[in-house]
Amino acid sequence: VAVSDYGQLGAAVREKNIIVGVLAVPAESAQGAADDLVGAGVRILFNYSEALLDVPPDVAVHTSNPAVELLHALYFHLT
């Protein structure tokens, strides 16, 4: 996987026709990152932050907390 400079986000999204973005940033940075991704053309966001995102109606946001998901999986595996 190639890692690019954040300043090249828009070009990379358009060039590679990326439609899904993953937000794994602190809550205070999530809206700005989401805005950048949506502005670049991303239409599906997986949000792993605690932030509630304000996005256009044509953008799908799936919010999840990996720690909670892990605890849930462990609970059902161990019981």
Protein backbone atom coordinates (compact mmCIF):
# COMPACT_ATOMS: atom_id res chain seq x y z
CA VAL A 1 0.00 0.00 0.00
CA ALA A 2 1.39 3.34 -1.00
CA VAL A 3 1.11 6.18 1.49
CA SER A 4 0.74 9.63 -0.02
CA ASP A 5 0.96 13.15 1.33
CA TYR A 6 -2.37 14.44 2.69
CA GLY A 7 -2.09 17.36 0.30
CA GLN A 8 -2.50 14.90 -2.56
CA LEU A 9 -5.76 13.48 -1.18
CA GLY A 10 -8.06 15.03 -3.77
CA ALA A 11 -5.90 13.99 -6.68
CA ALA A 12 -5.50 10.45 -5.35
CA VAL A 13 -9.25 10.01 -4.79
CA ARG A 14 -10.07 11.23 -8.28
CA GLU A 15 -7.21 9.40 -10.01
CA LYS A 16 -7.98 6.07 -8.35
CA ASN A 17 -11.77 6.50 -8.33
CA ILE A 18 -11.90 5.94 -4.57
CA ILE A 19 -15.42 5.99 -3.13
CA VAL A 20 -14.81 4.64 0.40
CA GLY A 21 -12.85 6.41 3.12
CA VAL A 22 -11.91 5.32 6.63
CA LEU A 23 -11.65 7.88 9.41
CA ALA A 24 -9.43 6.71 12.24
CA VAL A 25 -8.57 10.08 13.74
CA PRO A 26 -9.25 11.89 17.01
CA ALA A 27 -12.81 13.20 17.29
CA GLU A 28 -11.65 16.80 17.00
CA SER A 29 -10.09 16.06 13.60
CA ALA A 30 -12.86 13.88 12.18
CA GLN A 31 -15.15 16.53 10.68
CA GLY A 32 -12.29 18.24 8.86
CA ALA A 33 -11.01 14.94 7.49
CA ALA A 34 -14.54 13.94 6.48
CA ASP A 35 -15.01 17.27 4.72
CA ASP A 36 -11.76 16.73 2.82
CA LEU A 37 -12.72 13.19 1.80
CA VAL A 38 -16.23 14.17 0.72
CA GLY A 39 -14.88 17.19 -1.13
CA ALA A 40 -12.54 14.88 -3.00
CA GLY A 41 -15.40 12.61 -4.05
CA VAL A 42 -15.63 9.91 -1.37
CA ARG A 43 -19.25 8.79 -0.88
CA ILE A 44 -18.98 6.19 1.90
CA LEU A 45 -17.23 6.89 5.20
CA PHE A 46 -16.33 4.42 7.91
CA ASN A 47 -16.00 6.57 11.00
CA TYR A 48 -13.98 5.09 13.86
CA SER A 49 -13.93 8.35 15.80
CA GLU A 50 -16.42 9.42 18.45
CA ALA A 51 -17.49 12.42 16.36
CA LEU A 52 -20.93 12.74 14.86
CA LEU A 53 -20.28 13.80 11.29
CA ASP A 54 -22.26 16.32 9.28
CA VAL A 55 -22.13 15.19 5.65
CA PRO A 56 -24.32 15.70 2.58
CA PRO A 57 -27.32 13.38 2.22
CA ASP A 58 -25.68 11.43 -0.61
CA VAL A 59 -22.79 10.36 1.64
CA ALA A 60 -23.21 7.25 3.80
CA VAL A 61 -21.53 7.23 7.21
CA HIS A 62 -20.99 4.05 9.19
CA THR A 63 -19.81 4.82 12.72
CA SER A 64 -18.25 2.12 14.84
CA ASN A 65 -15.99 1.88 17.85
CA PRO A 66 -13.38 -0.85 17.35
CA ALA A 67 -12.85 -1.26 21.11
CA VAL A 68 -16.56 -1.90 21.67
CA GLU A 69 -16.67 -4.29 18.73
CA LEU A 70 -13.71 -6.21 20.15
CA LEU A 71 -15.28 -6.45 23.60
CA HIS A 72 -18.53 -7.61 22.04
CA ALA A 73 -16.75 -10.32 20.06
CA LEU A 74 -14.76 -11.44 23.09
CA TYR A 75 -17.85 -11.59 25.27
CA PHE A 76 -19.64 -13.92 22.90
CA HIS A 77 -16.53 -15.98 22.26
CA LEU A 78 -15.71 -16.45 25.93
CA THR A 79 -19.21 -17.09 27.24
